[in-house]
Amino acid sequence: MEHVNITIGPLSFDHADYDADSDVLYLHVGEPQSGEGEETPEGHVVRYAPGTNRVVGLTVLGARRILDRDGRLAITVPDTVETTAEQLAPALAAV
């Protein structure tokens, strides 16, 4: 788990782990913690602190594939926010 500073719309994450073999990006606020997961319309998973609407994690499926194909990544949390490959570069390097 690497320390990073990733902002996607109103969300900020300070820890990342990227599984290059599966192309799955895990972003966390603080160390990973349990939360209540909710799938986004795009197929990603947002994790909230139990009983709250405070985002504590985000799992992005196919992160590199989507960025290579579209040049951007959209995530609905609950409004749609976008980020670029450049903004996610530190997280995608977190192996």
N, C-alpha and C. Protein backbone atom coordinates (compact mmCIF):
# COMPACT_ATOMS: atom_id res chain seq x y z
N MET A 1 0.85 -1.17 0.00
CA MET A 1 0.00 0.00 0.00
C MET A 1 0.90 1.23 0.00
N GLU A 2 0.73 2.06 -1.00
CA GLU A 2 1.56 3.25 -1.15
C GLU A 2 0.80 4.49 -0.69
N HIS A 3 1.53 5.45 -0.13
CA HIS A 3 0.96 6.75 0.18
C HIS A 3 0.90 7.54 -1.11
N VAL A 4 -0.27 8.09 -1.41
CA VAL A 4 -0.46 8.90 -2.60
C VAL A 4 -1.34 10.09 -2.23
N ASN A 5 -1.53 10.97 -3.18
CA ASN A 5 -2.46 12.08 -3.01
C ASN A 5 -3.27 12.16 -4.29
N ILE A 6 -4.41 11.48 -4.31
CA ILE A 6 -5.26 11.38 -5.48
C ILE A 6 -6.60 12.05 -5.19
N THR A 7 -7.00 12.97 -6.05
CA THR A 7 -8.28 13.63 -5.92
C THR A 7 -9.10 13.34 -7.17
N ILE A 8 -10.31 12.87 -6.97
CA ILE A 8 -11.26 12.61 -8.05
C ILE A 8 -12.53 13.36 -7.68
N GLY A 9 -12.80 14.45 -8.37
CA GLY A 9 -13.94 15.28 -8.00
C GLY A 9 -13.78 15.73 -6.56
N PRO A 10 -14.80 15.52 -5.72
CA PRO A 10 -14.71 15.93 -4.32
C PRO A 10 -14.02 14.90 -3.43
N LEU A 11 -13.61 13.77 -3.98
CA LEU A 11 -13.02 12.70 -3.18
C LEU A 11 -11.51 12.78 -3.17
N SER A 12 -10.91 12.58 -2.02
CA SER A 12 -9.46 12.55 -1.88
C SER A 12 -9.05 11.24 -1.23
N PHE A 13 -8.03 10.61 -1.79
CA PHE A 13 -7.51 9.35 -1.29
C PHE A 13 -6.03 9.50 -1.01
N ASP A 14 -5.56 8.85 0.07
CA ASP A 14 -4.15 8.97 0.42
C ASP A 14 -3.40 7.64 0.43
N HIS A 15 -4.07 6.56 0.07
CA HIS A 15 -3.43 5.25 -0.05
C HIS A 15 -3.93 4.58 -1.33
N ALA A 16 -3.03 3.87 -1.99
CA ALA A 16 -3.41 3.17 -3.22
C ALA A 16 -2.66 1.87 -3.35
N ASP A 17 -3.29 0.95 -4.02
CA ASP A 17 -2.68 -0.32 -4.38
C ASP A 17 -3.23 -0.67 -5.76
N TYR A 18 -2.36 -1.02 -6.68
CA TYR A 18 -2.79 -1.36 -8.03
C TYR A 18 -2.36 -2.77 -8.36
N ASP A 19 -3.31 -3.61 -8.71
CA ASP A 19 -3.06 -4.98 -9.14
C ASP A 19 -3.01 -4.97 -10.67
N ALA A 20 -1.80 -4.87 -11.22
CA ALA A 20 -1.62 -4.75 -12.66
C ALA A 20 -2.09 -6.00 -13.40
N ASP A 21 -1.92 -7.18 -12.80
CA ASP A 21 -2.35 -8.42 -13.45
C ASP A 21 -3.86 -8.44 -13.68
N SER A 22 -4.61 -7.95 -12.71
CA SER A 22 -6.07 -7.94 -12.81
C SER A 22 -6.60 -6.58 -13.25
N ASP A 23 -5.73 -5.57 -13.34
CA ASP A 23 -6.11 -4.20 -13.69
C ASP A 23 -7.19 -3.67 -12.75
N VAL A 24 -6.90 -3.79 -11.45
CA VAL A 24 -7.81 -3.30 -10.42
C VAL A 24 -7.05 -2.30 -9.56
N LEU A 25 -7.62 -1.11 -9.41
CA LEU A 25 -7.04 -0.05 -8.60
C LEU A 25 -7.85 0.09 -7.32
N TYR A 26 -7.15 0.00 -6.18
CA TYR A 26 -7.77 0.15 -4.87
C TYR A 26 -7.31 1.48 -4.29
N LEU A 27 -8.24 2.38 -4.02
CA LEU A 27 -7.93 3.66 -3.40
C LEU A 27 -8.59 3.70 -2.03
N HIS A 28 -7.87 4.27 -1.04
CA HIS A 28 -8.36 4.30 0.33
C HIS A 28 -8.12 5.66 0.96
N VAL A 29 -8.97 5.98 1.93
CA VAL A 29 -8.76 7.12 2.80
C VAL A 29 -8.18 6.52 4.07
N GLY A 30 -6.90 6.79 4.33
CA GLY A 30 -6.23 6.13 5.45
C GLY A 30 -5.97 4.68 5.10
N GLU A 31 -5.65 3.89 6.10
CA GLU A 31 -5.42 2.46 5.88
C GLU A 31 -6.75 1.81 5.49
N PRO A 32 -6.70 0.73 4.71
CA PRO A 32 -7.95 0.05 4.34
C PRO A 32 -8.76 -0.31 5.58
N GLN A 33 -10.06 -0.10 5.47
CA GLN A 33 -10.96 -0.42 6.58
C GLN A 33 -12.24 -1.00 6.01
N SER A 34 -12.97 -1.68 6.85
CA SER A 34 -14.22 -2.26 6.39
C SER A 34 -15.21 -1.13 6.11
N GLY A 35 -16.10 -1.40 5.22
CA GLY A 35 -17.11 -0.41 4.86
C GLY A 35 -18.25 -1.08 4.15
N GLU A 36 -19.25 -0.30 3.89
CA GLU A 36 -20.42 -0.78 3.16
C GLU A 36 -20.22 -0.44 1.69
N GLY A 37 -20.12 -1.46 0.85
CA GLY A 37 -19.86 -1.24 -0.56
C GLY A 37 -21.12 -1.00 -1.37
N GLU A 38 -20.97 -0.16 -2.38
CA GLU A 38 -22.07 0.12 -3.29
C GLU A 38 -21.50 0.19 -4.70
N GLU A 39 -22.07 -0.59 -5.60
CA GLU A 39 -21.59 -0.60 -6.98
C GLU A 39 -22.07 0.65 -7.71
N THR A 40 -21.18 1.25 -8.48
CA THR A 40 -21.55 2.41 -9.28
C THR A 40 -22.15 1.94 -10.61
N PRO A 41 -22.82 2.82 -11.34
CA PRO A 41 -23.34 2.44 -12.65
C PRO A 41 -22.25 1.98 -13.61
N GLU A 42 -21.01 2.42 -13.38
CA GLU A 42 -19.88 2.04 -14.24
C GLU A 42 -19.29 0.68 -13.86
N GLY A 43 -19.75 0.09 -12.75
CA GLY A 43 -19.25 -1.21 -12.32
C GLY A 43 -18.12 -1.16 -11.31
N HIS A 44 -17.80 0.01 -10.79
CA HIS A 44 -16.79 0.15 -9.75
C HIS A 44 -17.47 -0.02 -8.38
N VAL A 45 -16.70 -0.03 -7.30
CA VAL A 45 -17.29 -0.18 -5.97
C VAL A 45 -16.80 0.96 -5.08
N VAL A 46 -17.76 1.70 -4.52
CA VAL A 46 -17.46 2.75 -3.55
C VAL A 46 -17.76 2.19 -2.18
N ARG A 47 -16.83 2.38 -1.24
CA ARG A 47 -17.04 1.91 0.13
C ARG A 47 -17.23 3.11 1.06
N TYR A 48 -18.28 3.00 1.87
CA TYR A 48 -18.62 4.06 2.82
C TYR A 48 -18.36 3.56 4.24
N ALA A 49 -17.98 4.47 5.13
CA ALA A 49 -17.87 4.10 6.55
C ALA A 49 -19.25 3.62 6.99
N PRO A 50 -19.30 2.54 7.77
CA PRO A 50 -20.60 1.97 8.16
C PRO A 50 -21.55 3.01 8.74
N GLY A 51 -22.78 3.01 8.19
CA GLY A 51 -23.82 3.91 8.69
C GLY A 51 -23.67 5.36 8.29
N THR A 52 -22.74 5.67 7.37
CA THR A 52 -22.53 7.06 6.97
C THR A 52 -22.48 7.15 5.44
N ASN A 53 -22.33 8.37 4.95
CA ASN A 53 -22.11 8.57 3.52
C ASN A 53 -20.67 9.04 3.26
N ARG A 54 -19.78 8.80 4.24
CA ARG A 54 -18.37 9.18 4.11
C ARG A 54 -17.62 8.09 3.35
N VAL A 55 -17.07 8.47 2.20
CA VAL A 55 -16.35 7.52 1.36
C VAL A 55 -15.01 7.19 2.01
N VAL A 56 -14.73 5.88 2.17
CA VAL A 56 -13.46 5.43 2.74
C VAL A 56 -12.65 4.62 1.74
N GLY A 57 -13.25 4.28 0.61
CA GLY A 57 -12.51 3.50 -0.38
C GLY A 57 -13.21 3.46 -1.72
N LEU A 58 -12.43 3.15 -2.73
CA LEU A 58 -12.94 3.03 -4.09
C LEU A 58 -12.15 1.94 -4.79
N THR A 59 -12.85 1.00 -5.39
CA THR A 59 -12.23 -0.05 -6.18
C THR A 59 -12.61 0.20 -7.63
N VAL A 60 -11.59 0.42 -8.46
CA VAL A 60 -11.81 0.72 -9.87
C VAL A 60 -11.42 -0.50 -10.69
N LEU A 61 -12.39 -1.11 -11.33
CA LEU A 61 -12.16 -2.30 -12.15
C LEU A 61 -11.80 -1.87 -13.57
N GLY A 62 -10.70 -2.41 -14.09
CA GLY A 62 -10.27 -2.09 -15.46
C GLY A 62 -9.75 -0.68 -15.61
N ALA A 63 -9.10 -0.15 -14.58
CA ALA A 63 -8.65 1.24 -14.57
C ALA A 63 -7.77 1.58 -15.78
N ARG A 64 -6.72 0.85 -15.99
CA ARG A 64 -5.79 1.14 -17.08
C ARG A 64 -6.48 0.96 -18.45
N ARG A 65 -7.27 -0.10 -18.59
CA ARG A 65 -7.98 -0.36 -19.84
C ARG A 65 -8.92 0.80 -20.19
N ILE A 66 -9.65 1.29 -19.20
CA ILE A 66 -10.58 2.40 -19.43
C ILE A 66 -9.82 3.67 -19.80
N LEU A 67 -8.75 3.96 -19.07
CA LEU A 67 -7.96 5.17 -19.37
C LEU A 67 -7.33 5.09 -20.75
N ASP A 68 -6.83 3.91 -21.13
CA ASP A 68 -6.24 3.75 -22.46
C ASP A 68 -7.30 3.92 -23.55
N ARG A 69 -8.48 3.40 -23.30
CA ARG A 69 -9.56 3.45 -24.29
C ARG A 69 -10.21 4.83 -24.40
N ASP A 70 -10.53 5.44 -23.22
CA ASP A 70 -11.32 6.67 -23.20
C ASP A 70 -10.52 7.92 -22.89
N GLY A 71 -9.34 7.75 -22.30
CA GLY A 71 -8.54 8.91 -21.91
C GLY A 71 -9.00 9.55 -20.62
N ARG A 72 -10.05 9.03 -20.03
CA ARG A 72 -10.57 9.54 -18.76
C ARG A 72 -11.32 8.42 -18.07
N LEU A 73 -11.61 8.62 -16.80
CA LEU A 73 -12.32 7.64 -16.00
C LEU A 73 -13.47 8.36 -15.32
N ALA A 74 -14.70 7.88 -15.50
CA ALA A 74 -15.87 8.47 -14.86
C ALA A 74 -16.37 7.54 -13.77
N ILE A 75 -16.76 8.13 -12.64
CA ILE A 75 -17.27 7.36 -11.51
C ILE A 75 -18.44 8.13 -10.93
N THR A 76 -19.55 7.45 -10.69
CA THR A 76 -20.73 8.08 -10.13
C THR A 76 -20.76 7.83 -8.62
N VAL A 77 -20.64 8.92 -7.83
CA VAL A 77 -20.55 8.81 -6.35
C VAL A 77 -21.27 9.93 -5.59
N PRO A 78 -22.48 10.22 -5.55
CA PRO A 78 -23.54 9.83 -6.45
C PRO A 78 -23.54 10.64 -7.74
N ASP A 79 -22.89 11.80 -7.76
CA ASP A 79 -22.74 12.55 -9.01
C ASP A 79 -21.56 11.97 -9.77
N THR A 80 -21.58 12.12 -11.08
CA THR A 80 -20.47 11.62 -11.89
C THR A 80 -19.29 12.56 -11.78
N VAL A 81 -18.13 11.99 -11.45
CA VAL A 81 -16.88 12.74 -11.39
C VAL A 81 -15.91 12.06 -12.34
N GLU A 82 -14.93 12.82 -12.84
CA GLU A 82 -13.98 12.28 -13.79
C GLU A 82 -12.56 12.56 -13.35
N THR A 83 -11.66 11.75 -13.83
CA THR A 83 -10.23 11.94 -13.61
C THR A 83 -9.50 11.50 -14.86
N THR A 84 -8.22 11.83 -14.93
CA THR A 84 -7.42 11.50 -16.10
C THR A 84 -6.31 10.52 -15.73
N ALA A 85 -5.65 9.98 -16.75
CA ALA A 85 -4.53 9.09 -16.52
C ALA A 85 -3.42 9.82 -15.77
N GLU A 86 -3.19 11.07 -16.11
CA GLU A 86 -2.16 11.86 -15.44
C GLU A 86 -2.44 12.00 -13.95
N GLN A 87 -3.69 12.26 -13.60
CA GLN A 87 -4.06 12.42 -12.20
C GLN A 87 -3.96 11.09 -11.44
N LEU A 88 -4.19 9.98 -12.13
CA LEU A 88 -4.13 8.67 -11.47
C LEU A 88 -2.77 8.01 -11.54
N ALA A 89 -1.82 8.61 -12.25
CA ALA A 89 -0.50 8.00 -12.44
C ALA A 89 0.14 7.54 -11.13
N PRO A 90 0.16 8.36 -10.06
CA PRO A 90 0.79 7.88 -8.83
C PRO A 90 0.11 6.64 -8.26
N ALA A 91 -1.19 6.54 -8.39
CA ALA A 91 -1.91 5.38 -7.87
C ALA A 91 -1.65 4.15 -8.73
N LEU A 92 -1.61 4.33 -10.03
CA LEU A 92 -1.38 3.20 -10.93
C LEU A 92 0.05 2.67 -10.82
N ALA A 93 0.93 3.46 -10.24
CA ALA A 93 2.30 3.01 -10.01
C ALA A 93 2.43 2.30 -8.67
N ALA A 94 1.38 2.35 -7.85
CA ALA A 94 1.42 1.76 -6.52
C ALA A 94 1.17 0.27 -6.61
N VAL A 95 2.24 -0.49 -6.67
CA VAL A 95 2.13 -1.95 -6.81
C VAL A 95 2.50 -2.62 -5.51
